[in-house]
Amino acid sequence: DGRVPEIINNLPVVQPTIMAGVPRIYEKIYAGVNAQFEGGGAKAKIAD
């Protein structure tokens, strides 16, 4: 499925064991996950 906006939605459904990508995709995943830990608090401290 080449629809880039659907990658994050597809991963839990497909449950792949391997995936290739360009750096920009890993940057987006990194930013998306870290956005959940912004603002400090216990959740951010546990993640750090």
ModelCIF file with pLDDT and N, C-alpha, C, O atoms, coordinates in Angstrom:
data_MODEL
#
_entry.id   MODEL 
#
_entity.id                         1 
_entity.type                       polymer 
_entity.pdbx_number_of_molecules   1 
#
_entity_poly.entity_id                      1 
_entity_poly.type                           'polypeptide(L)' 
_entity_poly.nstd_linkage                   no 
_entity_poly.nstd_monomer                   no 
_entity_poly.pdbx_seq_one_letter_code       DGRVPEIINNLPVVQPTIMAGVPRIYEKIYAGVNAQFEGGGAKAKIAD 
_entity_poly.pdbx_seq_one_letter_code_can   DGRVPEIINNLPVVQPTIMAGVPRIYEKIYAGVNAQFEGGGAKAKIAD 
_entity_poly.pdbx_strand_id                 A 
#
loop_
_entity_poly_seq.entity_id 
_entity_poly_seq.num 
_entity_poly_seq.mon_id 
_entity_poly_seq.hetero 
1 1  ASP n 
1 2  GLY n 
1 3  ARG n 
1 4  VAL n 
1 5  PRO n 
1 6  GLU n 
1 7  ILE n 
1 8  ILE n 
1 9  ASN n 
1 10 ASN n 
1 11 LEU n 
1 12 PRO n 
1 13 VAL n 
1 14 VAL n 
1 15 GLN n 
1 16 PRO n 
1 17 THR n 
1 18 ILE n 
1 19 MET n 
1 20 ALA n 
1 21 GLY n 
1 22 VAL n 
1 23 PRO n 
1 24 ARG n 
1 25 ILE n 
1 26 TYR n 
1 27 GLU n 
1 28 LYS n 
1 29 ILE n 
1 30 TYR n 
1 31 ALA n 
1 32 GLY n 
1 33 VAL n 
1 34 ASN n 
1 35 ALA n 
1 36 GLN n 
1 37 PHE n 
1 38 GLU n 
1 39 GLY n 
1 40 GLY n 
1 41 GLY n 
1 42 ALA n 
1 43 LYS n 
1 44 ALA n 
1 45 LYS n 
1 46 ILE n 
1 47 ALA n 
1 48 ASP n 
#
_struct_asym.id          A 
_struct_asym.entity_id   1 
#
loop_
_ma_qa_metric.id 
_ma_qa_metric.mode 
_ma_qa_metric.name 
_ma_qa_metric.software_group_id 
_ma_qa_metric.type 
1 global pLDDT . pLDDT 
2 local  pLDDT . pLDDT 
#
_ma_qa_metric_global.metric_id      1 
_ma_qa_metric_global.metric_value   91.17 
_ma_qa_metric_global.model_id       1 
_ma_qa_metric_global.ordinal_id     1 
#
loop_
_ma_qa_metric_local.label_asym_id 
_ma_qa_metric_local.label_comp_id 
_ma_qa_metric_local.label_seq_id 
_ma_qa_metric_local.metric_id 
_ma_qa_metric_local.metric_value 
_ma_qa_metric_local.model_id 
_ma_qa_metric_local.ordinal_id 
A ASP 1  2 97.00 1 1  
A GLY 2  2 95.00 1 2  
A ARG 3  2 95.00 1 3  
A VAL 4  2 92.00 1 4  
A PRO 5  2 91.00 1 5  
A GLU 6  2 92.00 1 6  
A ILE 7  2 93.00 1 7  
A ILE 8  2 90.00 1 8  
A ASN 9  2 91.00 1 9  
A ASN 10 2 94.00 1 10 
A LEU 11 2 95.00 1 11 
A PRO 12 2 94.00 1 12 
A VAL 13 2 95.00 1 13 
A VAL 14 2 96.00 1 14 
A GLN 15 2 97.00 1 15 
A PRO 16 2 98.00 1 16 
A THR 17 2 98.00 1 17 
A ILE 18 2 98.00 1 18 
A MET 19 2 97.00 1 19 
A ALA 20 2 97.00 1 20 
A GLY 21 2 95.00 1 21 
A VAL 22 2 94.00 1 22 
A PRO 23 2 95.00 1 23 
A ARG 24 2 94.00 1 24 
A ILE 25 2 93.00 1 25 
A TYR 26 2 94.00 1 26 
A GLU 27 2 94.00 1 27 
A LYS 28 2 92.00 1 28 
A ILE 29 2 91.00 1 29 
A TYR 30 2 92.00 1 30 
A ALA 31 2 92.00 1 31 
A GLY 32 2 88.00 1 32 
A VAL 33 2 89.00 1 33 
A ASN 34 2 87.00 1 34 
A ALA 35 2 87.00 1 35 
A GLN 36 2 83.00 1 36 
A PHE 37 2 80.00 1 37 
A GLU 38 2 76.00 1 38 
A GLY 39 2 69.00 1 39 
A GLY 40 2 73.00 1 40 
A GLY 41 2 85.00 1 41 
A ALA 42 2 88.00 1 42 
A LYS 43 2 88.00 1 43 
A ALA 44 2 90.00 1 44 
A LYS 45 2 92.00 1 45 
A ILE 46 2 94.00 1 46 
A ALA 47 2 93.00 1 47 
A ASP 48 2 93.00 1 48 
#
loop_
_atom_site.group_PDB 
_atom_site.id 
_atom_site.type_symbol 
_atom_site.label_atom_id 
_atom_site.label_alt_id 
_atom_site.label_comp_id 
_atom_site.label_asym_id 
_atom_site.label_entity_id 
_atom_site.label_seq_id 
_atom_site.pdbx_PDB_ins_code 
_atom_site.Cartn_x 
_atom_site.Cartn_y 
_atom_site.Cartn_z 
_atom_site.occupancy 
_atom_site.B_iso_or_equiv 
_atom_site.pdbx_formal_charge 
_atom_site.auth_seq_id 
_atom_site.auth_comp_id 
_atom_site.auth_asym_id 
_atom_site.auth_atom_id 
_atom_site.pdbx_PDB_model_num 
ATOM 1   N N  . ASP A 1 1  ? 0.857  -1.181 0.000  1.00 97.00 ? 1  ASP A N  1 
ATOM 2   C CA . ASP A 1 1  ? 0.000  0.000  0.000  1.00 97.00 ? 1  ASP A CA 1 
ATOM 3   C C  . ASP A 1 1  ? 0.894  1.233  0.000  1.00 97.00 ? 1  ASP A C  1 
ATOM 4   O O  . ASP A 1 1  ? 1.553  1.528  0.998  1.00 97.00 ? 1  ASP A O  1 
ATOM 5   N N  . GLY A 1 2  ? 0.918  1.952  -1.118 1.00 95.00 ? 2  GLY A N  1 
ATOM 6   C CA . GLY A 1 2  ? 1.806  3.092  -1.261 1.00 95.00 ? 2  GLY A CA 1 
ATOM 7   C C  . GLY A 1 2  ? 1.291  4.405  -0.710 1.00 95.00 ? 2  GLY A C  1 
ATOM 8   O O  . GLY A 1 2  ? 1.930  5.441  -0.892 1.00 95.00 ? 2  GLY A O  1 
ATOM 9   N N  . ARG A 1 3  ? 0.146  4.386  -0.036 1.00 95.00 ? 3  ARG A N  1 
ATOM 10  C CA . ARG A 1 3  ? -0.405 5.632  0.507  1.00 95.00 ? 3  ARG A CA 1 
ATOM 11  C C  . ARG A 1 3  ? 0.364  6.004  1.778  1.00 95.00 ? 3  ARG A C  1 
ATOM 12  O O  . ARG A 1 3  ? 0.117  5.447  2.848  1.00 95.00 ? 3  ARG A O  1 
ATOM 13  N N  . VAL A 1 4  ? 1.290  6.944  1.649  1.00 92.00 ? 4  VAL A N  1 
ATOM 14  C CA . VAL A 1 4  ? 2.165  7.303  2.766  1.00 92.00 ? 4  VAL A CA 1 
ATOM 15  C C  . VAL A 1 4  ? 1.391  7.751  4.010  1.00 92.00 ? 4  VAL A C  1 
ATOM 16  O O  . VAL A 1 4  ? 1.769  7.358  5.114  1.00 92.00 ? 4  VAL A O  1 
ATOM 17  N N  . PRO A 1 5  ? 0.315  8.563  3.887  1.00 91.00 ? 5  PRO A N  1 
ATOM 18  C CA . PRO A 1 5  ? -0.419 8.965  5.098  1.00 91.00 ? 5  PRO A CA 1 
ATOM 19  C C  . PRO A 1 5  ? -1.028 7.800  5.865  1.00 91.00 ? 5  PRO A C  1 
ATOM 20  O O  . PRO A 1 5  ? -1.367 7.948  7.039  1.00 91.00 ? 5  PRO A O  1 
ATOM 21  N N  . GLU A 1 6  ? -1.175 6.629  5.216  1.00 92.00 ? 6  GLU A N  1 
ATOM 22  C CA . GLU A 1 6  ? -1.784 5.475  5.860  1.00 92.00 ? 6  GLU A CA 1 
ATOM 23  C C  . GLU A 1 6  ? -0.775 4.552  6.527  1.00 92.00 ? 6  GLU A C  1 
ATOM 24  O O  . GLU A 1 6  ? -1.170 3.547  7.117  1.00 92.00 ? 6  GLU A O  1 
ATOM 25  N N  . ILE A 1 7  ? 0.517  4.861  6.450  1.00 93.00 ? 7  ILE A N  1 
ATOM 26  C CA . ILE A 1 7  ? 1.531  3.949  6.985  1.00 93.00 ? 7  ILE A CA 1 
ATOM 27  C C  . ILE A 1 7  ? 1.291  3.667  8.462  1.00 93.00 ? 7  ILE A C  1 
ATOM 28  O O  . ILE A 1 7  ? 1.239  2.506  8.870  1.00 93.00 ? 7  ILE A O  1 
ATOM 29  N N  . ILE A 1 8  ? 1.144  4.708  9.262  1.00 90.00 ? 8  ILE A N  1 
ATOM 30  C CA . ILE A 1 8  ? 0.975  4.521  10.712 1.00 90.00 ? 8  ILE A CA 1 
ATOM 31  C C  . ILE A 1 8  ? -0.299 3.737  11.020 1.00 90.00 ? 8  ILE A C  1 
ATOM 32  O O  . ILE A 1 8  ? -0.317 2.933  11.952 1.00 90.00 ? 8  ILE A O  1 
ATOM 33  N N  . ASN A 1 9  ? -1.358 3.962  10.253 1.00 91.00 ? 9  ASN A N  1 
ATOM 34  C CA . ASN A 1 9  ? -2.601 3.215  10.464 1.00 91.00 ? 9  ASN A CA 1 
ATOM 35  C C  . ASN A 1 9  ? -2.477 1.764  10.021 1.00 91.00 ? 9  ASN A C  1 
ATOM 36  O O  . ASN A 1 9  ? -3.103 0.880  10.605 1.00 91.00 ? 9  ASN A O  1 
ATOM 37  N N  . ASN A 1 10 ? -1.671 1.516  8.989  1.00 94.00 ? 10 ASN A N  1 
ATOM 38  C CA . ASN A 1 10 ? -1.541 0.169  8.448  1.00 94.00 ? 10 ASN A CA 1 
ATOM 39  C C  . ASN A 1 10 ? -0.681 -0.748 9.310  1.00 94.00 ? 10 ASN A C  1 
ATOM 40  O O  . ASN A 1 10 ? -0.926 -1.953 9.368  1.00 94.00 ? 10 ASN A O  1 
ATOM 41  N N  . LEU A 1 11 ? 0.317  -0.193 9.973  1.00 95.00 ? 11 LEU A N  1 
ATOM 42  C CA . LEU A 1 11 ? 1.258  -1.021 10.722 1.00 95.00 ? 11 LEU A CA 1 
ATOM 43  C C  . LEU A 1 11 ? 0.584  -1.936 11.749 1.00 95.00 ? 11 LEU A C  1 
ATOM 44  O O  . LEU A 1 11 ? 0.897  -3.126 11.778 1.00 95.00 ? 11 LEU A O  1 
ATOM 45  N N  . PRO A 1 12 ? -0.333 -1.432 12.599 1.00 94.00 ? 12 PRO A N  1 
ATOM 46  C CA . PRO A 1 12 ? -0.972 -2.338 13.562 1.00 94.00 ? 12 PRO A CA 1 
ATOM 47  C C  . PRO A 1 12 ? -1.851 -3.403 12.906 1.00 94.00 ? 12 PRO A C  1 
ATOM 48  O O  . PRO A 1 12 ? -2.085 -4.462 13.488 1.00 94.00 ? 12 PRO A O  1 
ATOM 49  N N  . VAL A 1 13 ? -2.336 -3.121 11.694 1.00 95.00 ? 13 VAL A N  1 
ATOM 50  C CA . VAL A 1 13 ? -3.200 -4.069 10.985 1.00 95.00 ? 13 VAL A CA 1 
ATOM 51  C C  . VAL A 1 13 ? -2.370 -5.141 10.295 1.00 95.00 ? 13 VAL A C  1 
ATOM 52  O O  . VAL A 1 13 ? -2.659 -6.332 10.412 1.00 95.00 ? 13 VAL A O  1 
ATOM 53  N N  . VAL A 1 14 ? -1.342 -4.716 9.579  1.00 96.00 ? 14 VAL A N  1 
ATOM 54  C CA . VAL A 1 14 ? -0.495 -5.649 8.833  1.00 96.00 ? 14 VAL A CA 1 
ATOM 55  C C  . VAL A 1 14 ? 0.401  -6.458 9.768  1.00 96.00 ? 14 VAL A C  1 
ATOM 56  O O  . VAL A 1 14 ? 0.675  -7.630 9.510  1.00 96.00 ? 14 VAL A O  1 
ATOM 57  N N  . GLN A 1 15 ? 0.857  -5.834 10.852 1.00 97.00 ? 15 GLN A N  1 
ATOM 58  C CA . GLN A 1 15 ? 1.781  -6.455 11.801 1.00 97.00 ? 15 GLN A CA 1 
ATOM 59  C C  . GLN A 1 15 ? 3.014  -7.023 11.095 1.00 97.00 ? 15 GLN A C  1 
ATOM 60  O O  . GLN A 1 15 ? 3.294  -8.218 11.193 1.00 97.00 ? 15 GLN A O  1 
ATOM 61  N N  . PRO A 1 16 ? 3.749  -6.167 10.385 1.00 98.00 ? 16 PRO A N  1 
ATOM 62  C CA . PRO A 1 16 ? 4.920  -6.650 9.651  1.00 98.00 ? 16 PRO A CA 1 
ATOM 63  C C  . PRO A 1 16 ? 6.068  -7.026 10.576 1.00 98.00 ? 16 PRO A C  1 
ATOM 64  O O  . PRO A 1 16 ? 6.125  -6.602 11.730 1.00 98.00 ? 16 PRO A O  1 
ATOM 65  N N  . THR A 1 17 ? 6.970  -7.823 10.049 1.00 98.00 ? 17 THR A N  1 
ATOM 66  C CA . THR A 1 17 ? 8.208  -8.125 10.773 1.00 98.00 ? 17 THR A CA 1 
ATOM 67  C C  . THR A 1 17 ? 9.374  -7.316 10.212 1.00 98.00 ? 17 THR A C  1 
ATOM 68  O O  . THR A 1 17 ? 10.378 -7.114 10.895 1.00 98.00 ? 17 THR A O  1 
ATOM 69  N N  . ILE A 1 18 ? 9.239  -6.852 8.960  1.00 98.00 ? 18 ILE A N  1 
ATOM 70  C CA . ILE A 1 18 ? 10.273 -6.025 8.333  1.00 98.00 ? 18 ILE A CA 1 
ATOM 71  C C  . ILE A 1 18 ? 9.612  -4.920 7.514  1.00 98.00 ? 18 ILE A C  1 
ATOM 72  O O  . ILE A 1 18 ? 8.530  -5.103 6.957  1.00 98.00 ? 18 ILE A O  1 
ATOM 73  N N  . MET A 1 19 ? 10.278 -3.777 7.451  1.00 97.00 ? 19 MET A N  1 
ATOM 74  C CA . MET A 1 19 ? 9.797  -2.677 6.619  1.00 97.00 ? 19 MET A CA 1 
ATOM 75  C C  . MET A 1 19 ? 10.983 -1.815 6.234  1.00 97.00 ? 19 MET A C  1 
ATOM 76  O O  . MET A 1 19 ? 11.835 -1.508 7.068  1.00 97.00 ? 19 MET A O  1 
ATOM 77  N N  . ALA A 1 20 ? 11.035 -1.426 4.970  1.00 97.00 ? 20 ALA A N  1 
ATOM 78  C CA . ALA A 1 20 ? 12.077 -0.519 4.492  1.00 97.00 ? 20 ALA A CA 1 
ATOM 79  C C  . ALA A 1 20 ? 11.484 0.863  4.291  1.00 97.00 ? 20 ALA A C  1 
ATOM 80  O O  . ALA A 1 20 ? 10.300 1.011  3.989  1.00 97.00 ? 20 ALA A O  1 
ATOM 81  N N  . GLY A 1 21 ? 12.320 1.867  4.462  1.00 95.00 ? 21 GLY A N  1 
ATOM 82  C CA . GLY A 1 21 ? 11.847 3.237  4.289  1.00 95.00 ? 21 GLY A CA 1 
ATOM 83  C C  . GLY A 1 21 ? 13.001 4.196  4.122  1.00 95.00 ? 21 GLY A C  1 
ATOM 84  O O  . GLY A 1 21 ? 14.167 3.817  4.232  1.00 95.00 ? 21 GLY A O  1 
ATOM 85  N N  . VAL A 1 22 ? 12.665 5.431  3.859  1.00 94.00 ? 22 VAL A N  1 
ATOM 86  C CA . VAL A 1 22 ? 13.659 6.497  3.771  1.00 94.00 ? 22 VAL A CA 1 
ATOM 87  C C  . VAL A 1 22 ? 13.699 7.218  5.112  1.00 94.00 ? 22 VAL A C  1 
ATOM 88  O O  . VAL A 1 22 ? 12.745 7.126  5.884  1.00 94.00 ? 22 VAL A O  1 
ATOM 89  N N  . PRO A 1 23 ? 14.782 7.936  5.407  1.00 95.00 ? 23 PRO A N  1 
ATOM 90  C CA . PRO A 1 23 ? 14.916 8.575  6.721  1.00 95.00 ? 23 PRO A CA 1 
ATOM 91  C C  . PRO A 1 23 ? 13.717 9.404  7.144  1.00 95.00 ? 23 PRO A C  1 
ATOM 92  O O  . PRO A 1 23 ? 13.387 9.442  8.329  1.00 95.00 ? 23 PRO A O  1 
ATOM 93  N N  . ARG A 1 24 ? 13.058 10.070 6.205  1.00 94.00 ? 24 ARG A N  1 
ATOM 94  C CA . ARG A 1 24 ? 11.945 10.945 6.560  1.00 94.00 ? 24 ARG A CA 1 
ATOM 95  C C  . ARG A 1 24 ? 10.839 10.195 7.299  1.00 94.00 ? 24 ARG A C  1 
ATOM 96  O O  . ARG A 1 24 ? 10.205 10.757 8.192  1.00 94.00 ? 24 ARG A O  1 
ATOM 97  N N  . ILE A 1 25 ? 10.601 8.939  6.942  1.00 93.00 ? 25 ILE A N  1 
ATOM 98  C CA . ILE A 1 25 ? 9.564  8.149  7.612  1.00 93.00 ? 25 ILE A CA 1 
ATOM 99  C C  . ILE A 1 25 ? 9.938  7.887  9.065  1.00 93.00 ? 25 ILE A C  1 
ATOM 100 O O  . ILE A 1 25 ? 9.091  7.982  9.953  1.00 93.00 ? 25 ILE A O  1 
ATOM 101 N N  . TYR A 1 26 ? 11.198 7.559  9.309  1.00 94.00 ? 26 TYR A N  1 
ATOM 102 C CA . TYR A 1 26 ? 11.627 7.303  10.687 1.00 94.00 ? 26 TYR A CA 1 
ATOM 103 C C  . TYR A 1 26 ? 11.631 8.588  11.508 1.00 94.00 ? 26 TYR A C  1 
ATOM 104 O O  . TYR A 1 26 ? 11.384 8.575  12.714 1.00 94.00 ? 26 TYR A O  1 
ATOM 105 N N  . GLU A 1 27 ? 11.914 9.691  10.831 1.00 94.00 ? 27 GLU A N  1 
ATOM 106 C CA . GLU A 1 27 ? 11.829 10.990 11.519 1.00 94.00 ? 27 GLU A CA 1 
ATOM 107 C C  . GLU A 1 27 ? 10.392 11.271 11.950 1.00 94.00 ? 27 GLU A C  1 
ATOM 108 O O  . GLU A 1 27 ? 10.159 11.773 13.050 1.00 94.00 ? 27 GLU A O  1 
ATOM 109 N N  . LYS A 1 28 ? 9.428  10.947 11.085 1.00 92.00 ? 28 LYS A N  1 
ATOM 110 C CA . LYS A 1 28 ? 8.022  11.179 11.427 1.00 92.00 ? 28 LYS A CA 1 
ATOM 111 C C  . LYS A 1 28 ? 7.569  10.294 12.576 1.00 92.00 ? 28 LYS A C  1 
ATOM 112 O O  . LYS A 1 28 ? 6.852  10.748 13.467 1.00 92.00 ? 28 LYS A O  1 
ATOM 113 N N  . ILE A 1 29 ? 7.980  9.043  12.561 1.00 91.00 ? 29 ILE A N  1 
ATOM 114 C CA . ILE A 1 29 ? 7.625  8.138  13.660 1.00 91.00 ? 29 ILE A CA 1 
ATOM 115 C C  . ILE A 1 29 ? 8.227  8.641  14.969 1.00 91.00 ? 29 ILE A C  1 
ATOM 116 O O  . ILE A 1 29 ? 7.558  8.680  16.001 1.00 91.00 ? 29 ILE A O  1 
ATOM 117 N N  . TYR A 1 30 ? 9.494  9.023  14.909 1.00 92.00 ? 30 TYR A N  1 
ATOM 118 C CA . TYR A 1 30 ? 10.204 9.549  16.073 1.00 92.00 ? 30 TYR A CA 1 
ATOM 119 C C  . TYR A 1 30 ? 9.484  10.775 16.635 1.00 92.00 ? 30 TYR A C  1 
ATOM 120 O O  . TYR A 1 30 ? 9.255  10.871 17.841 1.00 92.00 ? 30 TYR A O  1 
ATOM 121 N N  . ALA A 1 31 ? 9.130  11.709 15.752 1.00 92.00 ? 31 ALA A N  1 
ATOM 122 C CA . ALA A 1 31 ? 8.453  12.930 16.196 1.00 92.00 ? 31 ALA A CA 1 
ATOM 123 C C  . ALA A 1 31 ? 7.067  12.621 16.746 1.00 92.00 ? 31 ALA A C  1 
ATOM 124 O O  . ALA A 1 31 ? 6.647  13.212 17.741 1.00 92.00 ? 31 ALA A O  1 
ATOM 125 N N  . GLY A 1 32 ? 6.357  11.701 16.107 1.00 88.00 ? 32 GLY A N  1 
ATOM 126 C CA . GLY A 1 32 ? 5.007  11.372 16.551 1.00 88.00 ? 32 GLY A CA 1 
ATOM 127 C C  . GLY A 1 32 ? 4.975  10.750 17.930 1.00 88.00 ? 32 GLY A C  1 
ATOM 128 O O  . GLY A 1 32 ? 4.123  11.089 18.752 1.00 88.00 ? 32 GLY A O  1 
ATOM 129 N N  . VAL A 1 33 ? 5.897  9.842  18.185 1.00 89.00 ? 33 VAL A N  1 
ATOM 130 C CA . VAL A 1 33 ? 5.953  9.194  19.503 1.00 89.00 ? 33 VAL A CA 1 
ATOM 131 C C  . VAL A 1 33 ? 6.377  10.191 20.568 1.00 89.00 ? 33 VAL A C  1 
ATOM 132 O O  . VAL A 1 33 ? 5.777  10.244 21.642 1.00 89.00 ? 33 VAL A O  1 
ATOM 133 N N  . ASN A 1 34 ? 7.412  10.986 20.280 1.00 87.00 ? 34 ASN A N  1 
ATOM 134 C CA . ASN A 1 34 ? 7.913  11.925 21.277 1.00 87.00 ? 34 ASN A CA 1 
ATOM 135 C C  . ASN A 1 34 ? 6.915  13.035 21.586 1.00 87.00 ? 34 ASN A C  1 
ATOM 136 O O  . ASN A 1 34 ? 6.962  13.631 22.662 1.00 87.00 ? 34 ASN A O  1 
ATOM 137 N N  . ALA A 1 35 ? 6.013  13.314 20.650 1.00 87.00 ? 35 ALA A N  1 
ATOM 138 C CA . ALA A 1 35 ? 4.999  14.334 20.893 1.00 87.00 ? 35 ALA A CA 1 
ATOM 139 C C  . ALA A 1 35 ? 4.092  13.942 22.058 1.00 87.00 ? 35 ALA A C  1 
ATOM 140 O O  . ALA A 1 35 ? 3.519  14.802 22.727 1.00 87.00 ? 35 ALA A O  1 
ATOM 141 N N  . GLN A 1 36 ? 3.969  12.635 22.292 1.00 83.00 ? 36 GLN A N  1 
ATOM 142 C CA . GLN A 1 36 ? 3.124  12.168 23.399 1.00 83.00 ? 36 GLN A CA 1 
ATOM 143 C C  . GLN A 1 36 ? 3.756  12.438 24.768 1.00 83.00 ? 36 GLN A C  1 
ATOM 144 O O  . GLN A 1 36 ? 3.081  12.441 25.798 1.00 83.00 ? 36 GLN A O  1 
ATOM 145 N N  . PHE A 1 37 ? 5.074  12.664 24.744 1.00 80.00 ? 37 PHE A N  1 
ATOM 146 C CA . PHE A 1 37 ? 5.776  12.853 26.017 1.00 80.00 ? 37 PHE A CA 1 
ATOM 147 C C  . PHE A 1 37 ? 6.114  14.313 26.295 1.00 80.00 ? 37 PHE A C  1 
ATOM 148 O O  . PHE A 1 37 ? 6.805  14.618 27.267 1.00 80.00 ? 37 PHE A O  1 
ATOM 149 N N  . GLU A 1 38 ? 5.626  15.218 25.440 1.00 76.00 ? 38 GLU A N  1 
ATOM 150 C CA . GLU A 1 38 ? 5.916  16.634 25.633 1.00 76.00 ? 38 GLU A CA 1 
ATOM 151 C C  . GLU A 1 38 ? 5.132  17.189 26.814 1.00 76.00 ? 38 GLU A C  1 
ATOM 152 O O  . GLU A 1 38 ? 4.082  16.660 27.179 1.00 76.00 ? 38 GLU A O  1 
ATOM 153 N N  . GLY A 1 39 ? 5.649  18.254 27.405 1.00 69.00 ? 39 GLY A N  1 
ATOM 154 C CA . GLY A 1 39 ? 4.930  18.919 28.485 1.00 69.00 ? 39 GLY A CA 1 
ATOM 155 C C  . GLY A 1 39 ? 5.349  18.502 29.869 1.00 69.00 ? 39 GLY A C  1 
ATOM 156 O O  . GLY A 1 39 ? 4.781  18.957 30.862 1.00 69.00 ? 39 GLY A O  1 
ATOM 157 N N  . GLY A 1 40 ? 6.366  17.618 29.943 1.00 73.00 ? 40 GLY A N  1 
ATOM 158 C CA . GLY A 1 40 ? 6.832  17.206 31.264 1.00 73.00 ? 40 GLY A CA 1 
ATOM 159 C C  . GLY A 1 40 ? 5.875  16.248 31.940 1.00 73.00 ? 40 GLY A C  1 
ATOM 160 O O  . GLY A 1 40 ? 5.093  15.572 31.272 1.00 73.00 ? 40 GLY A O  1 
ATOM 161 N N  . GLY A 1 41 ? 5.929  16.185 33.259 1.00 85.00 ? 41 GLY A N  1 
ATOM 162 C CA . GLY A 1 41 ? 5.063  15.283 34.005 1.00 85.00 ? 41 GLY A CA 1 
ATOM 163 C C  . GLY A 1 41 ? 5.649  13.894 34.123 1.00 85.00 ? 41 GLY A C  1 
ATOM 164 O O  . GLY A 1 41 ? 6.727  13.612 33.600 1.00 85.00 ? 41 GLY A O  1 
ATOM 165 N N  . ALA A 1 42 ? 4.920  13.018 34.825 1.00 88.00 ? 42 ALA A N  1 
ATOM 166 C CA . ALA A 1 42 ? 5.402  11.674 35.114 1.00 88.00 ? 42 ALA A CA 1 
ATOM 167 C C  . ALA A 1 42 ? 5.640  10.863 33.837 1.00 88.00 ? 42 ALA A C  1 
ATOM 168 O O  . ALA A 1 42 ? 6.616  10.121 33.727 1.00 88.00 ? 42 ALA A O  1 
ATOM 169 N N  . LYS A 1 43 ? 4.735  11.022 32.888 1.00 88.00 ? 43 LYS A N  1 
ATOM 170 C CA . LYS A 1 43 ? 4.847  10.251 31.644 1.00 88.00 ? 43 LYS A CA 1 
ATOM 171 C C  . LYS A 1 43 ? 6.155  10.575 30.922 1.00 88.00 ? 43 LYS A C  1 
ATOM 172 O O  . LYS A 1 43 ? 6.845  9.664  30.462 1.00 88.00 ? 43 LYS A O  1 
ATOM 173 N N  . ALA A 1 44 ? 6.501  11.840 30.819 1.00 90.00 ? 44 ALA A N  1 
ATOM 174 C CA . ALA A 1 44 ? 7.725  12.258 30.145 1.00 90.00 ? 44 ALA A CA 1 
ATOM 175 C C  . ALA A 1 44 ? 8.954  11.777 30.905 1.00 90.00 ? 44 ALA A C  1 
ATOM 176 O O  . ALA A 1 44 ? 9.941  11.359 30.298 1.00 90.00 ? 44 ALA A O  1 
ATOM 177 N N  . LYS A 1 45 ? 8.892  11.837 32.246 1.00 92.00 ? 45 LYS A N  1 
ATOM 178 C CA . LYS A 1 45 ? 10.042 11.398 33.048 1.00 92.00 ? 45 LYS A CA 1 
ATOM 179 C C  . LYS A 1 45 ? 10.293 9.901  32.893 1.00 92.00 ? 45 LYS A C  1 
ATOM 180 O O  . LYS A 1 45 ? 11.439 9.458  32.820 1.00 92.00 ? 45 LYS A O  1 
ATOM 181 N N  . ILE A 1 46 ? 9.203  9.123  32.843 1.00 94.00 ? 46 ILE A N  1 
ATOM 182 C CA . ILE A 1 46 ? 9.333  7.673  32.660 1.00 94.00 ? 46 ILE A CA 1 
ATOM 183 C C  . ILE A 1 46 ? 9.933  7.365  31.287 1.00 94.00 ? 46 ILE A C  1 
ATOM 184 O O  . ILE A 1 46 ? 10.787 6.488  31.158 1.00 94.00 ? 46 ILE A O  1 
ATOM 185 N N  . ALA A 1 47 ? 9.480  8.095  30.263 1.00 93.00 ? 47 ALA A N  1 
ATOM 186 C CA . ALA A 1 47 ? 9.995  7.872  28.909 1.00 93.00 ? 47 ALA A CA 1 
ATOM 187 C C  . ALA A 1 47 ? 11.479 8.230  28.838 1.00 93.00 ? 47 ALA A C  1 
ATOM 188 O O  . ALA A 1 47 ? 12.267 7.492  28.247 1.00 93.00 ? 47 ALA A O  1 
ATOM 189 N N  . ASP A 1 48 ? 11.863 9.359  29.436 1.00 93.00 ? 48 ASP A N  1 
ATOM 190 C CA . ASP A 1 48 ? 13.271 9.762  29.434 1.00 93.00 ? 48 ASP A CA 1 
ATOM 191 C C  . ASP A 1 48 ? 14.130 8.701  30.122 1.00 93.00 ? 48 ASP A C  1 
ATOM 192 O O  . ASP A 1 48 ? 15.347 8.860  30.220 1.00 93.00 ? 48 ASP A O  1 
#
